[in-house]
Protein backbone atom coordinates (compact mmCIF):
# COMPACT_ATOMS: atom_id res chain seq x y z
CA MET A 1 158.49 75.50 24.01
CA ASP A 2 162.15 75.89 23.10
CA VAL A 3 162.83 78.45 20.37
CA ALA A 4 166.27 78.25 18.78
CA ILE A 5 167.40 81.25 16.73
CA ARG A 6 170.07 80.90 14.08
CA TYR A 7 171.36 82.81 11.10
CA GLY A 8 170.05 82.04 7.65
CA ARG A 9 172.36 80.23 5.23
CA ILE A 10 172.48 80.02 1.46
CA ASP A 11 170.91 76.58 1.58
CA ASP A 12 167.89 78.13 3.40
CA VAL A 13 166.98 80.51 0.57
CA GLU A 14 164.32 78.43 -1.20
CA ALA A 15 162.73 77.43 2.12
CA LEU A 16 162.70 81.09 3.25
CA LEU A 17 160.91 82.17 0.08
CA ALA A 18 158.33 79.41 0.54
CA PHE A 19 157.89 80.29 4.24
CA TRP A 20 157.32 83.98 3.45
CA LEU A 21 154.52 83.08 1.02
CA VAL A 22 152.69 81.39 3.91
CA ALA A 23 153.70 83.50 6.92
CA ALA A 24 154.55 87.02 5.71
CA GLU A 25 152.28 89.86 4.72
CA GLY A 26 153.04 91.92 1.63
CA THR A 27 155.03 89.33 -0.30
CA ASP A 28 154.30 91.06 -3.59
CA ARG A 29 157.75 92.60 -3.65
CA HIS A 30 159.16 90.22 -6.24
CA ASP A 31 161.17 88.16 -3.77
CA ASP A 32 163.98 86.53 -5.64
CA PRO A 33 166.43 83.78 -4.62
CA ALA A 34 169.37 85.79 -5.97
CA LYS A 35 168.50 88.80 -3.80
CA VAL A 36 168.14 86.75 -0.64
CA THR A 37 171.40 84.96 -1.46
CA ALA A 38 173.13 88.32 -1.98
CA LEU A 39 171.84 89.54 1.40
CA ILE A 40 173.21 86.48 3.19
CA GLU A 41 176.54 86.70 1.35
CA ARG A 42 176.87 90.41 2.19
CA ASP A 43 175.80 90.04 5.82
CA PRO A 44 175.72 86.42 7.02
CA GLU A 45 174.02 87.41 10.30
CA ALA A 46 171.22 89.55 8.84
CA VAL A 47 168.61 86.82 8.37
CA LEU A 48 167.38 85.41 11.67
CA ILE A 49 165.45 82.15 11.66
CA ALA A 50 163.51 80.90 14.67
CA GLU A 51 163.08 77.15 14.86
CA VAL A 52 160.87 75.02 17.07
CA GLY A 53 161.63 71.33 16.95
CA GLY A 54 163.90 71.87 13.96
CA GLU A 55 161.11 73.48 11.90
CA THR A 56 161.06 77.13 10.81
CA ALA A 57 158.64 79.01 13.03
CA GLY A 58 159.63 82.60 12.20
CA THR A 59 162.04 84.93 10.47
CA LEU A 60 163.31 88.46 10.80
CA ILE A 61 165.78 90.41 8.71
CA ALA A 62 167.98 92.57 10.93
CA GLY A 63 169.86 94.88 8.59
CA TRP A 64 172.74 96.97 9.83
CA ASP A 65 174.19 99.43 7.34
CA GLY A 66 176.89 100.75 9.66
CA TRP A 67 174.74 103.71 10.61
CA ARG A 68 171.20 102.52 11.25
CA ALA A 69 169.48 99.35 12.43
CA HIS A 70 166.56 98.22 10.25
CA LEU A 71 164.09 95.41 10.92
CA TYR A 72 161.90 93.91 8.27
CA ARG A 73 160.27 90.70 7.10
CA LEU A 74 159.12 89.65 10.56
CA ALA A 75 157.06 86.57 9.78
CA VAL A 76 155.75 83.92 12.15
CA ASP A 77 154.07 80.68 11.12
CA PRO A 78 150.33 81.39 11.46
CA ALA A 79 149.91 78.25 13.61
CA ARG A 80 152.57 79.50 16.05
CA ARG A 81 151.61 83.14 16.49
CA ARG A 82 151.20 84.62 19.96
CA GLN A 83 153.73 82.18 21.43
CA GLY A 84 156.66 84.61 21.82
CA ILE A 85 158.48 83.68 18.61
CA GLY A 86 158.31 87.17 17.12
CA SER A 87 159.45 88.69 20.41
CA ALA A 88 162.39 86.27 20.59
CA LEU A 89 163.45 87.21 17.06
CA ILE A 90 163.22 90.92 17.85
CA ARG A 91 165.29 90.47 21.03
CA ALA A 92 167.96 88.60 19.06
CA ALA A 93 168.04 91.39 16.47
CA GLU A 94 168.29 94.06 19.18
CA GLU A 95 171.21 92.20 20.77
CA ARG A 96 172.92 92.09 17.36
CA PHE A 97 172.41 95.83 16.93
CA ALA A 98 173.58 96.63 20.46
CA ALA A 99 176.86 94.84 19.73
CA PHE A 100 177.37 97.32 16.87
CA GLY A 101 176.65 100.28 19.15
CA ALA A 102 173.27 101.09 17.61
CA PHE A 103 171.09 103.29 19.79
CA ARG A 104 167.76 102.78 17.98
CA ALA A 105 166.13 100.34 15.58
CA ASP A 106 163.36 100.95 13.10
CA ALA A 107 160.87 98.42 11.82
CA MET A 108 159.11 98.24 8.47
CA VAL A 109 155.46 97.54 9.27
CA LEU A 110 152.59 97.63 6.78
CA HIS A 111 149.96 100.28 7.56
CA ASP A 112 147.07 97.83 7.31
CA ASN A 113 148.63 94.94 9.25
CA GLU A 114 146.88 95.39 12.59
CA PRO A 115 148.21 92.13 14.11
CA ALA A 116 151.75 93.34 13.35
CA HIS A 117 151.02 96.70 14.99
CA ARG A 118 150.05 94.89 18.17
CA ALA A 119 153.11 92.62 18.03
CA TRP A 120 155.57 95.47 17.50
CA GLY A 121 153.81 97.63 20.11
CA ALA A 122 154.02 94.82 22.67
CA VAL A 123 157.83 94.95 22.51
CA GLY A 124 158.05 98.75 22.71
CA TYR A 125 157.96 99.95 19.08
CA ALA A 126 155.65 102.76 17.95
CA PRO A 127 154.98 104.61 14.71
CA GLN A 128 157.05 107.73 14.22
CA PRO A 129 154.52 110.23 12.87
CA GLN A 130 157.00 112.88 11.75
CA TRP A 131 158.59 110.55 9.15
CA ALA A 132 157.33 108.97 5.97
CA ARG A 133 158.97 106.43 3.74
CA TRP A 134 159.70 107.78 0.27
CA VAL A 135 160.52 105.30 -2.49
CA LYS A 136 161.62 105.34 -6.09
CA PRO A 137 161.76 102.25 -8.32
CA LEU A 138 165.30 101.71 -9.61
CA SER A 139 164.29 99.70 -12.65
CA GLY A 140 161.72 99.98 -15.40
CA GLU A 141 159.25 98.00 -13.33
CA ASP A 142 156.72 99.88 -11.23
CA ARG A 143 157.57 98.39 -7.82
CA PRO A 144 156.94 99.80 -4.37
């Protein structure tokens, strides 16, 4: 199976949102076309899309803020899981980060997503017990 990885484009936004509803866990974060568009406009190489036969098979957001390398929204088509697509996306993200001189990457992984724990662990990631994620909603809405 040939997996091609490319960067997301503005014309991918609606398809990405639809894909995440099927393939991603925790999509209750009020995904919004304008926010995904803004991400791609700000960093055209942040959204990685894996394709098999021209169809979206997986995604990963590889955010680089100039200081740290962050990975989130790893999603693989349920029919294509355990075929190396997630690993290929993570490798592509790590290569992107290495080009910036990053020495470590962190991944956002839901506590209850056991399949994701196994996937991230298989490529060398592990929970960092001494840290916790603290959040504060920046609008009137009560959002995580």
